[in-house]
């Protein structure tokens, strides 16, 4: 396994450990993050609605 994959795996493991500890609000924030990502990709401009 190369170094990048090892770093990525440990990063993912750290993320899941953090999520386990903060699971109560992670569900709420996940929806907000997904929404904000969607808004950045598809910004709602007034010109789009016209």
Protein backbone atom coordinates (compact mmCIF):
# COMPACT_ATOMS: atom_id res chain seq x y z
CA UNK A 1 0.00 0.00 0.00
CA UNK A 2 1.41 3.38 -0.92
CA UNK A 3 1.78 6.28 1.47
CA UNK A 4 -1.14 8.29 0.09
CA UNK A 5 -3.58 5.43 0.59
CA UNK A 6 -2.32 4.87 4.14
CA UNK A 7 -2.70 8.57 4.96
CA UNK A 8 -6.17 8.59 3.44
CA UNK A 9 -7.24 5.53 5.44
CA UNK A 10 -6.02 7.03 8.72
CA UNK A 11 -7.77 10.28 7.85
CA UNK A 12 -11.02 8.43 7.18
CA UNK A 13 -10.62 6.53 10.43
CA UNK A 14 -10.07 9.78 12.33
CA UNK A 15 -13.13 11.29 10.68
CA UNK A 16 -15.32 8.35 11.67
CA UNK A 17 -13.98 8.47 15.24
CA UNK A 18 -14.84 12.17 15.38
CA UNK A 19 -18.31 11.51 13.96
CA UNK A 20 -18.92 8.83 16.59
CA UNK A 21 -18.12 11.34 19.32
CA UNK A 22 -20.21 14.11 17.76
CA UNK A 23 -22.96 11.96 16.28
CA UNK A 24 -25.77 13.93 17.94
CA UNK A 25 -25.20 17.09 15.95
CA UNK A 26 -23.44 15.51 12.99
CA UNK A 27 -26.82 14.42 11.59
CA UNK A 28 -28.08 18.02 11.71
CA UNK A 29 -24.91 19.52 10.29
CA UNK A 30 -24.71 16.92 7.52
CA UNK A 31 -27.96 18.25 6.05
CA UNK A 32 -26.61 21.79 6.32
CA UNK A 33 -23.32 20.84 4.65
CA UNK A 34 -25.09 19.07 1.81
CA UNK A 35 -27.38 22.07 1.37
CA UNK A 36 -24.49 24.56 1.37
CA UNK A 37 -22.56 22.42 -1.14
CA UNK A 38 -25.64 22.31 -3.36
CA UNK A 39 -26.09 26.06 -3.05
CA UNK A 40 -22.46 26.66 -4.03
CA UNK A 41 -22.74 24.40 -7.06
CA UNK A 42 -26.15 25.72 -8.05
CA UNK A 43 -26.40 29.28 -6.68
CA UNK A 44 -29.92 30.69 -6.63
CA UNK A 45 -29.51 33.94 -8.49
CA UNK A 46 -32.48 36.19 -9.15
CA UNK A 47 -31.55 36.13 -12.84
CA UNK A 48 -31.98 32.34 -12.85
CA UNK A 49 -35.59 32.64 -11.72
CA UNK A 50 -36.52 35.12 -14.44
